[in-house]
Amino acid sequence: MTNANPDDPCRPEPEGQAAPTSPTAVFSPGWLVLGIHRVAHSLYRRQIPLIPRLLSYLGRLLPTISP
């Protein structure tokens, strides 16, 4: 186990997590779904009727697609 901070040996680096800038973390389906949700919610607050519902449905379908 390597240390995240060489000055503090009591704080080990977490294991099994993707680095924040790795492609796994950046392109994970969770970030995409979060972005879709934010866009859909802002459209819903502006009282646009159909597009937010379609985006919400699309956001539920996308994470189930496996490469």
PDB file of N, CA and C in Angstrom:
ATOM      1  N   MET A   1       0.846  -1.171   0.000  1.00  0.00           N
ATOM      2  CA  MET A   1       0.000   0.000   0.000  1.00  0.00           C
ATOM      3  C   MET A   1       0.895   1.238   0.000  1.00  0.00           C
ATOM      4  N   THR A   2       0.645   2.158  -0.907  1.00  0.00           N
ATOM      5  CA  THR A   2       1.435   3.383  -0.968  1.00  0.00           C
ATOM      6  C   THR A   2       0.694   4.489  -0.252  1.00  0.00           C
ATOM      7  N   ASN A   3       1.439   5.454   0.203  1.00  0.00           N
ATOM      8  CA  ASN A   3       0.847   6.571   0.924  1.00  0.00           C
ATOM      9  C   ASN A   3       0.501   7.692  -0.034  1.00  0.00           C
ATOM     10  N   ALA A   4      -0.654   8.309   0.178  1.00  0.00           N
ATOM     11  CA  ALA A   4      -1.063   9.443  -0.644  1.00  0.00           C
ATOM     12  C   ALA A   4      -0.220  10.664  -0.311  1.00  0.00           C
ATOM     13  N   ASN A   5       0.185  10.788   0.935  1.00  0.00           N
ATOM     14  CA  ASN A   5       0.969  11.927   1.379  1.00  0.00           C
ATOM     15  C   ASN A   5       2.210  11.386   2.081  1.00  0.00           C
ATOM     16  N   PRO A   6       3.409  11.581   1.521  1.00  0.00           N
ATOM     17  CA  PRO A   6       4.603  11.017   2.167  1.00  0.00           C
ATOM     18  C   PRO A   6       4.890  11.623   3.532  1.00  0.00           C
ATOM     19  N   ASP A   7       4.369  12.826   3.801  1.00  0.00           N
ATOM     20  CA  ASP A   7       4.587  13.446   5.106  1.00  0.00           C
ATOM     21  C   ASP A   7       3.674  12.876   6.179  1.00  0.00           C
ATOM     22  N   ASP A   8       2.584  12.241   5.780  1.00  0.00           N
ATOM     23  CA  ASP A   8       1.633  11.701   6.733  1.00  0.00           C
ATOM     24  C   ASP A   8       1.432  10.211   6.453  1.00  0.00           C
ATOM     25  N   PRO A   9       2.196   9.332   7.101  1.00  0.00           N
ATOM     26  CA  PRO A   9       2.085   7.897   6.832  1.00  0.00           C
ATOM     27  C   PRO A   9       0.777   7.280   7.340  1.00  0.00           C
ATOM     28  N   CYS A  10       0.001   8.012   8.122  1.00  0.00           N
ATOM     29  CA  CYS A  10      -1.249   7.463   8.656  1.00  0.00           C
ATOM     30  C   CYS A  10      -2.400   7.558   7.668  1.00  0.00           C
ATOM     31  N   ARG A  11      -2.227   8.283   6.573  1.00  0.00           N
ATOM     32  CA  ARG A  11      -3.297   8.436   5.590  1.00  0.00           C
ATOM     33  C   ARG A  11      -2.946   7.668   4.328  1.00  0.00           C
ATOM     34  N   PRO A  12      -3.337   6.407   4.257  1.00  0.00           N
ATOM     35  CA  PRO A  12      -3.021   5.623   3.058  1.00  0.00           C
ATOM     36  C   PRO A  12      -3.894   6.033   1.880  1.00  0.00           C
ATOM     37  N   GLU A  13      -3.399   5.743   0.696  1.00  0.00           N
ATOM     38  CA  GLU A  13      -4.147   6.003  -0.531  1.00  0.00           C
ATOM     39  C   GLU A  13      -5.290   4.995  -0.625  1.00  0.00           C
ATOM     40  N   PRO A  14      -6.507   5.443  -0.976  1.00  0.00           N
ATOM     41  CA  PRO A  14      -7.615   4.493  -1.098  1.00  0.00           C
ATOM     42  C   PRO A  14      -7.376   3.512  -2.231  1.00  0.00           C
ATOM     43  N   GLU A  15      -7.711   2.261  -1.995  1.00  0.00           N
ATOM     44  CA  GLU A  15      -7.509   1.237  -3.011  1.00  0.00           C
ATOM     45  C   GLU A  15      -8.818   0.925  -3.712  1.00  0.00           C
ATOM     46  N   GLY A  16      -8.738   0.568  -4.973  1.00  0.00           N
ATOM     47  CA  GLY A  16      -9.907   0.154  -5.714  1.00  0.00           C
ATOM     48  C   GLY A  16     -10.753   1.281  -6.256  1.00  0.00           C
ATOM     49  N   GLN A  17     -10.262   2.505  -6.215  1.00  0.00           N
ATOM     50  CA  GLN A  17     -11.018   3.628  -6.745  1.00  0.00           C
ATOM     51  C   GLN A  17     -10.287   4.196  -7.948  1.00  0.00           C
ATOM     52  N   ALA A  18     -11.055   4.682  -8.912  1.00  0.00           N
ATOM     53  CA  ALA A  18     -10.453   5.293 -10.095  1.00  0.00           C
ATOM     54  C   ALA A  18      -9.935   6.685  -9.742  1.00  0.00           C
ATOM     55  N   ALA A  19      -8.829   7.039 -10.340  1.00  0.00           N
ATOM     56  CA  ALA A  19      -8.302   8.387 -10.149  1.00  0.00           C
ATOM     57  C   ALA A  19      -9.292   9.378 -10.751  1.00  0.00           C
ATOM     58  N   PRO A  20      -9.398  10.598 -10.193  1.00  0.00           N
ATOM     59  CA  PRO A  20     -10.399  11.545 -10.666  1.00  0.00           C
ATOM     60  C   PRO A  20     -10.266  11.925 -12.137  1.00  0.00           C
ATOM     61  N   THR A  21      -9.075  11.798 -12.711  1.00  0.00           N
ATOM     62  CA  THR A  21      -8.893  12.193 -14.110  1.00  0.00           C
ATOM     63  C   THR A  21      -8.780  10.992 -15.044  1.00  0.00           C
ATOM     64  N   SER A  22      -9.005   9.805 -14.535  1.00  0.00           N
ATOM     65  CA  SER A  22      -8.924   8.634 -15.401  1.00  0.00           C
ATOM     66  C   SER A  22     -10.155   8.564 -16.299  1.00  0.00           C
ATOM     67  N   PRO A  23     -10.030   7.954 -17.477  1.00  0.00           N
ATOM     68  CA  PRO A  23     -11.193   7.851 -18.359  1.00  0.00           C
ATOM     69  C   PRO A  23     -12.361   7.095 -17.729  1.00  0.00           C
ATOM     70  N   THR A  24     -12.075   6.189 -16.818  1.00  0.00           N
ATOM     71  CA  THR A  24     -13.144   5.447 -16.151  1.00  0.00           C
ATOM     72  C   THR A  24     -13.998   6.376 -15.302  1.00  0.00           C
ATOM     73  N   ALA A  25     -13.362   7.301 -14.618  1.00  0.00           N
ATOM     74  CA  ALA A  25     -14.104   8.228 -13.761  1.00  0.00           C
ATOM     75  C   ALA A  25     -14.791   9.320 -14.572  1.00  0.00           C
ATOM     76  N   VAL A  26     -14.140   9.800 -15.617  1.00  0.00           N
ATOM     77  CA  VAL A  26     -14.686  10.917 -16.390  1.00  0.00           C
ATOM     78  C   VAL A  26     -15.860  10.473 -17.253  1.00  0.00           C
ATOM     79  N   PHE A  27     -15.769   9.302 -17.870  1.00  0.00           N
ATOM     80  CA  PHE A  27     -16.802   8.850 -18.785  1.00  0.00           C
ATOM     81  C   PHE A  27     -17.728   7.816 -18.172  1.00  0.00           C
ATOM     82  N   SER A  28     -17.851   7.795 -16.868  1.00  0.00           N
ATOM     83  CA  SER A  28     -18.748   6.833 -16.250  1.00  0.00           C
ATOM     84  C   SER A  28     -20.195   7.241 -16.522  1.00  0.00           C
ATOM     85  N   PRO A  29     -21.110   6.278 -16.580  1.00  0.00           N
ATOM     86  CA  PRO A  29     -22.508   6.613 -16.876  1.00  0.00           C
ATOM     87  C   PRO A  29     -23.137   7.530 -15.835  1.00  0.00           C
ATOM     88  N   GLY A  30     -22.622   7.511 -14.622  1.00  0.00           N
ATOM     89  CA  GLY A  30     -23.193   8.355 -13.581  1.00  0.00           C
ATOM     90  C   GLY A  30     -23.085   9.837 -13.896  1.00  0.00           C
ATOM     91  N   TRP A  31     -21.959  10.277 -14.443  1.00  0.00           N
ATOM     92  CA  TRP A  31     -21.788  11.689 -14.804  1.00  0.00           C
ATOM     93  C   TRP A  31     -22.730  12.072 -15.929  1.00  0.00           C
ATOM     94  N   LEU A  32     -22.906  11.189 -16.887  1.00  0.00           N
ATOM     95  CA  LEU A  32     -23.806  11.457 -18.004  1.00  0.00           C
ATOM     96  C   LEU A  32     -25.249  11.567 -17.515  1.00  0.00           C
ATOM     97  N   VAL A  33     -25.654  10.667 -16.658  1.00  0.00           N
ATOM     98  CA  VAL A  33     -27.015  10.689 -16.136  1.00  0.00           C
ATOM     99  C   VAL A  33     -27.241  11.931 -15.282  1.00  0.00           C
ATOM    100  N   LEU A  34     -26.248  12.327 -14.515  1.00  0.00           N
ATOM    101  CA  LEU A  34     -26.367  13.534 -13.704  1.00  0.00           C
ATOM    102  C   LEU A  34     -26.554  14.767 -14.590  1.00  0.00           C
ATOM    103  N   GLY A  35     -25.793  14.850 -15.663  1.00  0.00           N
ATOM    104  CA  GLY A  35     -25.939  15.973 -16.584  1.00  0.00           C
ATOM    105  C   GLY A  35     -27.299  15.991 -17.250  1.00  0.00           C
ATOM    106  N   ILE A  36     -27.774  14.820 -17.667  1.00  0.00           N
ATOM    107  CA  ILE A  36     -29.103  14.734 -18.281  1.00  0.00           C
ATOM    108  C   ILE A  36     -30.177  15.150 -17.281  1.00  0.00           C
ATOM    109  N   HIS A  37     -30.027  14.729 -16.037  1.00  0.00           N
ATOM    110  CA  HIS A  37     -31.008  15.085 -15.009  1.00  0.00           C
ATOM    111  C   HIS A  37     -31.040  16.590 -14.780  1.00  0.00           C
ATOM    112  N   ARG A  38     -29.876  17.219 -14.748  1.00  0.00           N
ATOM    113  CA  ARG A  38     -29.837  18.661 -14.512  1.00  0.00           C
ATOM    114  C   ARG A  38     -30.480  19.435 -15.656  1.00  0.00           C
ATOM    115  N   VAL A  39     -30.232  18.999 -16.884  1.00  0.00           N
ATOM    116  CA  VAL A  39     -30.856  19.662 -18.032  1.00  0.00           C
ATOM    117  C   VAL A  39     -32.364  19.452 -18.007  1.00  0.00           C
ATOM    118  N   ALA A  40     -32.791  18.226 -17.741  1.00  0.00           N
ATOM    119  CA  ALA A  40     -34.224  17.928 -17.703  1.00  0.00           C
ATOM    120  C   ALA A  40     -34.915  18.713 -16.590  1.00  0.00           C
ATOM    121  N   HIS A  41     -34.262  18.826 -15.442  1.00  0.00           N
ATOM    122  CA  HIS A  41     -34.877  19.546 -14.332  1.00  0.00           C
ATOM    123  C   HIS A  41     -35.004  21.038 -14.636  1.00  0.00           C
ATOM    124  N   SER A  42     -33.995  21.606 -15.283  1.00  0.00           N
ATOM    125  CA  SER A  42     -34.089  23.037 -15.618  1.00  0.00           C
ATOM    126  C   SER A  42     -35.185  23.278 -16.659  1.00  0.00           C
ATOM    127  N   LEU A  43     -35.343  22.361 -17.604  1.00  0.00           N
ATOM    128  CA  LEU A  43     -36.430  22.494 -18.574  1.00  0.00           C
ATOM    129  C   LEU A  43     -37.796  22.320 -17.903  1.00  0.00           C
ATOM    130  N   TYR A  44     -37.883  21.410 -16.944  1.00  0.00           N
ATOM    131  CA  TYR A  44     -39.140  21.191 -16.225  1.00  0.00           C
ATOM    132  C   TYR A  44     -39.537  22.434 -15.430  1.00  0.00           C
ATOM    133  N   ARG A  45     -38.548  23.082 -14.814  1.00  0.00           N
ATOM    134  CA  ARG A  45     -38.834  24.292 -14.045  1.00  0.00           C
ATOM    135  C   ARG A  45     -39.292  25.432 -14.940  1.00  0.00           C
ATOM    136  N   ARG A  46     -38.908  25.388 -16.221  1.00  0.00           N
ATOM    137  CA  ARG A  46     -39.367  26.401 -17.173  1.00  0.00           C
ATOM    138  C   ARG A  46     -40.698  26.009 -17.814  1.00  0.00           C
ATOM    139  N   GLN A  47     -41.309  24.966 -17.318  1.00  0.00           N
ATOM    140  CA  GLN A  47     -42.625  24.470 -17.731  1.00  0.00           C
ATOM    141  C   GLN A  47     -42.663  24.054 -19.201  1.00  0.00           C
ATOM    142  N   ILE A  48     -41.594  23.426 -19.657  1.00  0.00           N
ATOM    143  CA  ILE A  48     -41.570  22.810 -20.979  1.00  0.00           C
ATOM    144  C   ILE A  48     -42.052  21.383 -20.780  1.00  0.00           C
ATOM    145  N   PRO A  49     -43.144  20.959 -21.423  1.00  0.00           N
ATOM    146  CA  PRO A  49     -43.814  19.731 -20.997  1.00  0.00           C
ATOM    147  C   PRO A  49     -43.180  18.397 -21.374  1.00  0.00           C
ATOM    148  N   LEU A  50     -42.783  18.174 -22.607  1.00  0.00           N
ATOM    149  CA  LEU A  50     -42.459  16.817 -23.048  1.00  0.00           C
ATOM    150  C   LEU A  50     -40.964  16.493 -23.003  1.00  0.00           C
ATOM    151  N   ILE A  51     -40.120  17.445 -23.315  1.00  0.00           N
ATOM    152  CA  ILE A  51     -38.678  17.181 -23.436  1.00  0.00           C
ATOM    153  C   ILE A  51     -38.060  16.687 -22.122  1.00  0.00           C
ATOM    154  N   PRO A  52     -38.386  17.272 -20.959  1.00  0.00           N
ATOM    155  CA  PRO A  52     -37.788  16.748 -19.718  1.00  0.00           C
ATOM    156  C   PRO A  52     -38.147  15.288 -19.444  1.00  0.00           C
ATOM    157  N   ARG A  53     -39.364  14.899 -19.781  1.00  0.00           N
ATOM    158  CA  ARG A  53     -39.768  13.515 -19.556  1.00  0.00           C
ATOM    159  C   ARG A  53     -38.995  12.569 -20.470  1.00  0.00           C
ATOM    160  N   LEU A  54     -38.786  12.980 -21.726  1.00  0.00           N
ATOM    161  CA  LEU A  54     -38.014  12.151 -22.651  1.00  0.00           C
ATOM    162  C   LEU A  54     -36.556  12.053 -22.217  1.00  0.00           C
ATOM    163  N   LEU A  55     -35.987  13.167 -21.743  1.00  0.00           N
ATOM    164  CA  LEU A  55     -34.608  13.139 -21.254  1.00  0.00           C
ATOM    165  C   LEU A  55     -34.484  12.241 -20.023  1.00  0.00           C
ATOM    166  N   SER A  56     -35.474  12.300 -19.156  1.00  0.00           N
ATOM    167  CA  SER A  56     -35.458  11.452 -17.965  1.00  0.00           C
ATOM    168  C   SER A  56     -35.492   9.971 -18.356  1.00  0.00           C
ATOM    169  N   TYR A  57     -36.311   9.653 -19.331  1.00  0.00           N
ATOM    170  CA  TYR A  57     -36.387   8.273 -19.803  1.00  0.00           C
ATOM    171  C   TYR A  57     -35.068   7.841 -20.437  1.00  0.00           C
ATOM    172  N   LEU A  58     -34.476   8.725 -21.227  1.00  0.00           N
ATOM    173  CA  LEU A  58     -33.185   8.433 -21.850  1.00  0.00           C
ATOM    174  C   LEU A  58     -32.106   8.225 -20.780  1.00  0.00           C
ATOM    175  N   GLY A  59     -32.150   9.031 -19.729  1.00  0.00           N
ATOM    176  CA  GLY A  59     -31.186   8.889 -18.643  1.00  0.00           C
ATOM    177  C   GLY A  59     -31.304   7.568 -17.912  1.00  0.00           C
ATOM    178  N   ARG A  60     -32.503   6.988 -17.889  1.00  0.00           N
ATOM    179  CA  ARG A  60     -32.674   5.680 -17.267  1.00  0.00           C
ATOM    180  C   ARG A  60     -32.231   4.554 -18.177  1.00  0.00           C
ATOM    181  N   LEU A  61     -32.284   4.772 -19.484  1.00  0.00           N
ATOM    182  CA  LEU A  61     -31.883   3.724 -20.430  1.00  0.00           C
ATOM    183  C   LEU A  61     -30.369   3.633 -20.619  1.00  0.00           C
ATOM    184  N   LEU A  62     -29.688   4.762 -20.612  1.00  0.00           N
ATOM    185  CA  LEU A  62     -28.265   4.785 -20.961  1.00  0.00           C
ATOM    186  C   LEU A  62     -27.368   3.947 -20.059  1.00  0.00           C
ATOM    187  N   PRO A  63     -27.517   3.949 -18.746  1.00  0.00           N
ATOM    188  CA  PRO A  63     -26.595   3.159 -17.921  1.00  0.00           C
ATOM    189  C   PRO A  63     -26.718   1.666 -18.133  1.00  0.00           C
ATOM    190  N   THR A  64     -27.798   1.181 -18.718  1.00  0.00           N
ATOM    191  CA  THR A  64     -27.964  -0.249 -18.911  1.00  0.00           C
ATOM    192  C   THR A  64     -27.232  -0.738 -20.163  1.00  0.00           C
ATOM    193  N   ILE A  65     -26.741   0.194 -20.993  1.00  0.00           N
ATOM    194  CA  ILE A  65     -26.023  -0.191 -22.204  1.00  0.00           C
ATOM    195  C   ILE A  65     -24.599  -0.574 -21.805  1.00  0.00           C
ATOM    196  N   SER A  66     -24.201  -1.796 -22.107  1.00  0.00           N
ATOM    197  CA  SER A  66     -22.842  -2.222 -21.773  1.00  0.00           C
ATOM    198  C   SER A  66     -22.001  -2.249 -23.064  1.00  0.00           C
ATOM    199  N   PRO A  67     -20.728  -1.857 -22.951  1.00  0.00           N
ATOM    200  CA  PRO A  67     -19.880  -1.826 -24.157  1.00  0.00           C
ATOM    201  C   PRO A  67     -19.496  -3.205 -24.636  1.00  0.00           C
TER     202      PRO A  67
END
